[in-house]
Amino acid sequence: MHDEMFQDGFDGTTKLTSLIAALKLRHYTFGTIQSYDD
């Protein structure tokens, strides 16, 4: 996961948003971070 985020440098929001989207496609839930599970 770390390598996926930082392989092209880190541009913050865009990488994080795409990572969250990719994890949601794998049915990953964020548990205690309630606002991400809507």
N, C-alpha and C. Protein backbone atom coordinates (compact mmCIF):
# COMPACT_ATOMS: atom_id res chain seq x y z
N MET A 1 0.83 -1.20 0.00
CA MET A 1 0.00 0.00 0.00
C MET A 1 0.87 1.25 0.00
N HIS A 2 1.87 1.28 0.81
CA HIS A 2 2.78 2.42 0.88
C HIS A 2 3.43 2.67 -0.47
N ASP A 3 3.93 1.61 -1.10
CA ASP A 3 4.59 1.76 -2.40
C ASP A 3 3.63 2.28 -3.46
N GLU A 4 2.37 1.85 -3.39
CA GLU A 4 1.37 2.31 -4.35
C GLU A 4 1.15 3.82 -4.23
N MET A 5 1.21 4.33 -3.03
CA MET A 5 0.99 5.75 -2.81
C MET A 5 2.19 6.61 -3.21
N PHE A 6 3.40 6.10 -3.01
CA PHE A 6 4.57 6.95 -3.12
C PHE A 6 5.44 6.68 -4.35
N GLN A 7 5.02 5.77 -5.22
CA GLN A 7 5.88 5.38 -6.34
C GLN A 7 6.16 6.55 -7.29
N ASP A 8 5.23 7.47 -7.43
CA ASP A 8 5.40 8.60 -8.36
C ASP A 8 5.57 9.91 -7.62
N GLY A 9 6.06 9.85 -6.38
CA GLY A 9 6.05 11.05 -5.54
C GLY A 9 4.70 11.16 -4.86
N PHE A 10 4.58 12.08 -3.94
CA PHE A 10 3.35 12.18 -3.16
C PHE A 10 2.66 13.49 -3.43
N ASP A 11 1.45 13.42 -4.00
CA ASP A 11 0.67 14.64 -4.22
C ASP A 11 -0.57 14.68 -3.35
N GLY A 12 -0.46 14.07 -2.21
CA GLY A 12 -1.44 14.22 -1.13
C GLY A 12 -2.83 13.74 -1.48
N THR A 13 -3.73 14.68 -1.63
CA THR A 13 -5.15 14.39 -1.74
C THR A 13 -5.47 13.46 -2.90
N THR A 14 -4.88 13.68 -4.05
CA THR A 14 -5.18 12.87 -5.22
C THR A 14 -4.80 11.41 -5.00
N LYS A 15 -3.59 11.19 -4.51
CA LYS A 15 -3.15 9.82 -4.25
C LYS A 15 -4.00 9.17 -3.17
N LEU A 16 -4.29 9.90 -2.11
CA LEU A 16 -5.06 9.34 -1.01
C LEU A 16 -6.48 9.02 -1.46
N THR A 17 -7.07 9.91 -2.23
CA THR A 17 -8.42 9.67 -2.74
C THR A 17 -8.46 8.44 -3.63
N SER A 18 -7.49 8.30 -4.53
CA SER A 18 -7.47 7.14 -5.42
C SER A 18 -7.18 5.86 -4.66
N LEU A 19 -6.35 5.96 -3.63
CA LEU A 19 -6.08 4.79 -2.79
C LEU A 19 -7.33 4.34 -2.06
N ILE A 20 -8.06 5.30 -1.47
CA ILE A 20 -9.31 4.97 -0.79
C ILE A 20 -10.30 4.34 -1.76
N ALA A 21 -10.40 4.89 -2.96
CA ALA A 21 -11.30 4.34 -3.97
C ALA A 21 -10.90 2.90 -4.32
N ALA A 22 -9.61 2.66 -4.47
CA ALA A 22 -9.12 1.32 -4.79
C ALA A 22 -9.43 0.34 -3.66
N LEU A 23 -9.24 0.79 -2.42
CA LEU A 23 -9.54 -0.07 -1.28
C LEU A 23 -11.04 -0.36 -1.19
N LYS A 24 -11.88 0.63 -1.47
CA LYS A 24 -13.32 0.41 -1.45
C LYS A 24 -13.73 -0.61 -2.50
N LEU A 25 -13.07 -0.60 -3.66
CA LEU A 25 -13.36 -1.59 -4.69
C LEU A 25 -13.04 -3.00 -4.21
N ARG A 26 -12.11 -3.10 -3.27
CA ARG A 26 -11.77 -4.40 -2.67
C ARG A 26 -12.59 -4.66 -1.41
N HIS A 27 -13.64 -3.86 -1.20
CA HIS A 27 -14.56 -3.99 -0.07
C HIS A 27 -13.86 -3.79 1.27
N TYR A 28 -12.82 -2.97 1.26
CA TYR A 28 -12.15 -2.61 2.51
C TYR A 28 -12.98 -1.57 3.23
N THR A 29 -13.10 -1.73 4.55
CA THR A 29 -13.79 -0.71 5.34
C THR A 29 -12.81 -0.10 6.32
N PHE A 30 -13.07 1.14 6.68
CA PHE A 30 -12.12 1.90 7.48
C PHE A 30 -12.44 1.88 8.97
N GLY A 31 -13.52 1.21 9.35
CA GLY A 31 -13.80 0.99 10.77
C GLY A 31 -14.00 2.27 11.55
N THR A 32 -12.98 2.69 12.26
CA THR A 32 -13.14 3.81 13.18
C THR A 32 -13.16 5.16 12.48
N ILE A 33 -12.80 5.21 11.20
CA ILE A 33 -12.87 6.47 10.46
C ILE A 33 -14.25 6.53 9.80
N GLN A 34 -15.24 6.96 10.57
CA GLN A 34 -16.63 6.82 10.16
C GLN A 34 -16.95 7.51 8.84
N SER A 35 -16.38 8.67 8.61
CA SER A 35 -16.75 9.46 7.43
C SER A 35 -16.31 8.80 6.13
N TYR A 36 -15.41 7.83 6.18
CA TYR A 36 -14.95 7.16 4.96
C TYR A 36 -15.85 5.98 4.57
N ASP A 37 -16.74 5.58 5.47
CA ASP A 37 -17.53 4.38 5.24
C ASP A 37 -18.95 4.68 4.78
N ASP A 38 -19.15 5.78 4.05
CA ASP A 38 -20.51 6.09 3.64
C ASP A 38 -20.79 5.72 2.19
